[in-house]
């Protein structure tokens, strides 16, 4: 299920911003996260969430 969830996140991102590349990252709206997680639930109920890159 995590593969399908990952694809859903990617496709939703492309719907909003088309291609953004690896250098630009955006957090999705919480309603999108909730809907995708409901459709493709994790077996243990734990999710990683948005991870912003740290500037060194």
N, C-alpha and C. Protein backbone atom coordinates (compact mmCIF):
# COMPACT_ATOMS: atom_id res chain seq x y z
N UNK A 1 0.80 -1.20 0.00
CA UNK A 1 0.00 0.00 0.00
C UNK A 1 0.85 1.27 0.00
N UNK A 2 2.05 1.22 0.59
CA UNK A 2 2.86 2.44 0.65
C UNK A 2 3.27 2.89 -0.75
N UNK A 3 3.47 1.95 -1.67
CA UNK A 3 3.79 2.33 -3.05
C UNK A 3 2.63 3.08 -3.69
N UNK A 4 1.43 2.59 -3.49
CA UNK A 4 0.26 3.27 -4.06
C UNK A 4 0.05 4.63 -3.42
N UNK A 5 0.31 4.72 -2.12
CA UNK A 5 0.19 6.00 -1.42
C UNK A 5 1.22 6.99 -1.97
N UNK A 6 2.44 6.54 -2.20
CA UNK A 6 3.49 7.39 -2.76
C UNK A 6 3.12 7.89 -4.16
N UNK A 7 2.58 7.02 -4.97
CA UNK A 7 2.14 7.40 -6.31
C UNK A 7 1.01 8.43 -6.23
N UNK A 8 0.09 8.25 -5.31
CA UNK A 8 -1.02 9.19 -5.14
C UNK A 8 -0.50 10.57 -4.75
N UNK A 9 0.47 10.63 -3.83
CA UNK A 9 1.07 11.91 -3.44
C UNK A 9 1.72 12.58 -4.66
N UNK A 10 2.48 11.79 -5.42
CA UNK A 10 3.19 12.32 -6.59
C UNK A 10 2.21 12.84 -7.64
N UNK A 11 1.16 12.08 -7.92
CA UNK A 11 0.19 12.49 -8.92
C UNK A 11 -0.58 13.74 -8.48
N UNK A 12 -0.91 13.83 -7.21
CA UNK A 12 -1.61 15.01 -6.71
C UNK A 12 -0.71 16.24 -6.81
N UNK A 13 0.58 16.08 -6.51
CA UNK A 13 1.54 17.17 -6.63
C UNK A 13 1.62 17.64 -8.08
N UNK A 14 1.67 16.72 -9.02
CA UNK A 14 1.72 17.09 -10.44
C UNK A 14 0.45 17.78 -10.88
N UNK A 15 -0.68 17.42 -10.29
CA UNK A 15 -1.93 18.08 -10.62
C UNK A 15 -1.90 19.55 -10.20
N UNK A 16 -1.31 19.83 -9.04
CA UNK A 16 -1.26 21.21 -8.54
C UNK A 16 -0.15 22.04 -9.17
N UNK A 17 1.06 21.49 -9.25
CA UNK A 17 2.22 22.28 -9.66
C UNK A 17 2.92 21.75 -10.90
N UNK A 18 2.35 20.82 -11.63
CA UNK A 18 2.97 20.12 -12.75
C UNK A 18 4.31 19.53 -12.27
N UNK A 19 5.37 19.67 -13.02
CA UNK A 19 6.65 19.08 -12.63
C UNK A 19 7.42 20.10 -11.80
N UNK A 20 7.84 19.72 -10.58
CA UNK A 20 8.55 20.65 -9.73
C UNK A 20 10.02 20.30 -9.55
N UNK A 21 10.44 19.10 -9.92
CA UNK A 21 11.84 18.70 -9.79
C UNK A 21 12.20 18.34 -8.36
N UNK A 22 13.46 17.97 -8.16
CA UNK A 22 13.89 17.54 -6.83
C UNK A 22 14.36 18.72 -5.98
N UNK A 23 14.59 19.88 -6.58
CA UNK A 23 15.11 21.02 -5.81
C UNK A 23 14.00 21.80 -5.11
N UNK A 24 12.76 21.72 -5.60
CA UNK A 24 11.64 22.43 -4.97
C UNK A 24 10.72 21.42 -4.33
N UNK A 25 10.34 21.68 -3.08
CA UNK A 25 9.46 20.77 -2.35
C UNK A 25 8.32 21.57 -1.76
N UNK A 26 7.11 21.02 -1.81
CA UNK A 26 5.94 21.66 -1.25
C UNK A 26 5.19 20.68 -0.37
N UNK A 27 4.63 21.20 0.69
CA UNK A 27 3.78 20.39 1.54
C UNK A 27 2.37 20.38 0.95
N UNK A 28 1.74 19.22 0.91
CA UNK A 28 0.38 19.13 0.38
C UNK A 28 -0.62 19.63 1.41
N UNK A 29 -1.80 20.03 0.98
CA UNK A 29 -2.85 20.41 1.94
C UNK A 29 -3.24 19.20 2.80
N UNK A 30 -3.61 19.45 4.05
CA UNK A 30 -3.93 18.35 4.97
C UNK A 30 -5.12 17.53 4.48
N UNK A 31 -6.05 18.16 3.74
CA UNK A 31 -7.18 17.39 3.23
C UNK A 31 -6.72 16.34 2.22
N UNK A 32 -5.67 16.66 1.46
CA UNK A 32 -5.12 15.69 0.50
C UNK A 32 -4.46 14.53 1.24
N UNK A 33 -3.66 14.86 2.28
CA UNK A 33 -3.04 13.81 3.07
C UNK A 33 -4.09 12.89 3.69
N UNK A 34 -5.11 13.47 4.27
CA UNK A 34 -6.15 12.67 4.93
C UNK A 34 -6.86 11.75 3.95
N UNK A 35 -7.22 12.26 2.79
CA UNK A 35 -7.94 11.46 1.78
C UNK A 35 -7.06 10.33 1.25
N UNK A 36 -5.79 10.63 0.95
CA UNK A 36 -4.88 9.61 0.42
C UNK A 36 -4.61 8.54 1.49
N UNK A 37 -4.40 8.96 2.73
CA UNK A 37 -4.16 8.00 3.81
C UNK A 37 -5.38 7.14 4.10
N UNK A 38 -6.56 7.70 3.92
CA UNK A 38 -7.78 6.92 4.12
C UNK A 38 -7.94 5.88 3.00
N UNK A 39 -7.58 6.27 1.78
CA UNK A 39 -7.70 5.38 0.63
C UNK A 39 -6.63 4.28 0.65
N UNK A 40 -5.42 4.63 1.08
CA UNK A 40 -4.29 3.68 1.12
C UNK A 40 -3.69 3.67 2.53
N UNK A 41 -4.34 3.02 3.49
CA UNK A 41 -3.88 3.07 4.89
C UNK A 41 -2.59 2.27 5.10
N UNK A 42 -1.84 2.71 6.10
CA UNK A 42 -0.64 1.99 6.53
C UNK A 42 -1.07 0.80 7.38
N UNK A 43 -0.33 -0.29 7.31
CA UNK A 43 -0.68 -1.48 8.09
C UNK A 43 -0.53 -1.23 9.58
N UNK A 44 0.46 -0.44 9.98
CA UNK A 44 0.69 -0.19 11.40
C UNK A 44 0.12 1.15 11.86
N UNK A 45 -0.42 1.95 10.94
CA UNK A 45 -1.03 3.22 11.31
C UNK A 45 -0.05 4.37 11.49
N UNK A 46 1.22 4.16 11.15
CA UNK A 46 2.24 5.21 11.29
C UNK A 46 2.60 5.75 9.91
N UNK A 47 2.74 7.07 9.82
CA UNK A 47 3.09 7.73 8.57
C UNK A 47 4.27 8.67 8.83
N UNK A 48 5.11 8.88 7.82
CA UNK A 48 6.29 9.72 7.98
C UNK A 48 5.97 11.20 7.92
N UNK A 49 5.07 11.60 7.05
CA UNK A 49 4.74 13.01 6.91
C UNK A 49 5.75 13.76 6.06
N UNK A 50 5.54 15.06 5.92
CA UNK A 50 6.40 15.90 5.10
C UNK A 50 7.72 16.13 5.82
N UNK A 51 8.82 15.92 5.10
CA UNK A 51 10.14 16.16 5.65
C UNK A 51 10.83 17.23 4.83
N UNK A 52 11.03 18.39 5.43
CA UNK A 52 11.69 19.49 4.73
C UNK A 52 13.20 19.27 4.78
N UNK A 53 13.89 19.60 3.70
CA UNK A 53 15.33 19.44 3.67
C UNK A 53 15.98 20.50 4.56
N UNK A 54 16.98 20.09 5.29
CA UNK A 54 17.72 21.00 6.16
C UNK A 54 18.80 21.70 5.35
N UNK A 55 18.94 22.99 5.54
CA UNK A 55 20.02 23.76 4.89
C UNK A 55 21.26 23.66 5.77
N UNK A 56 22.38 23.28 5.15
CA UNK A 56 23.61 23.14 5.92
C UNK A 56 24.46 24.37 5.79
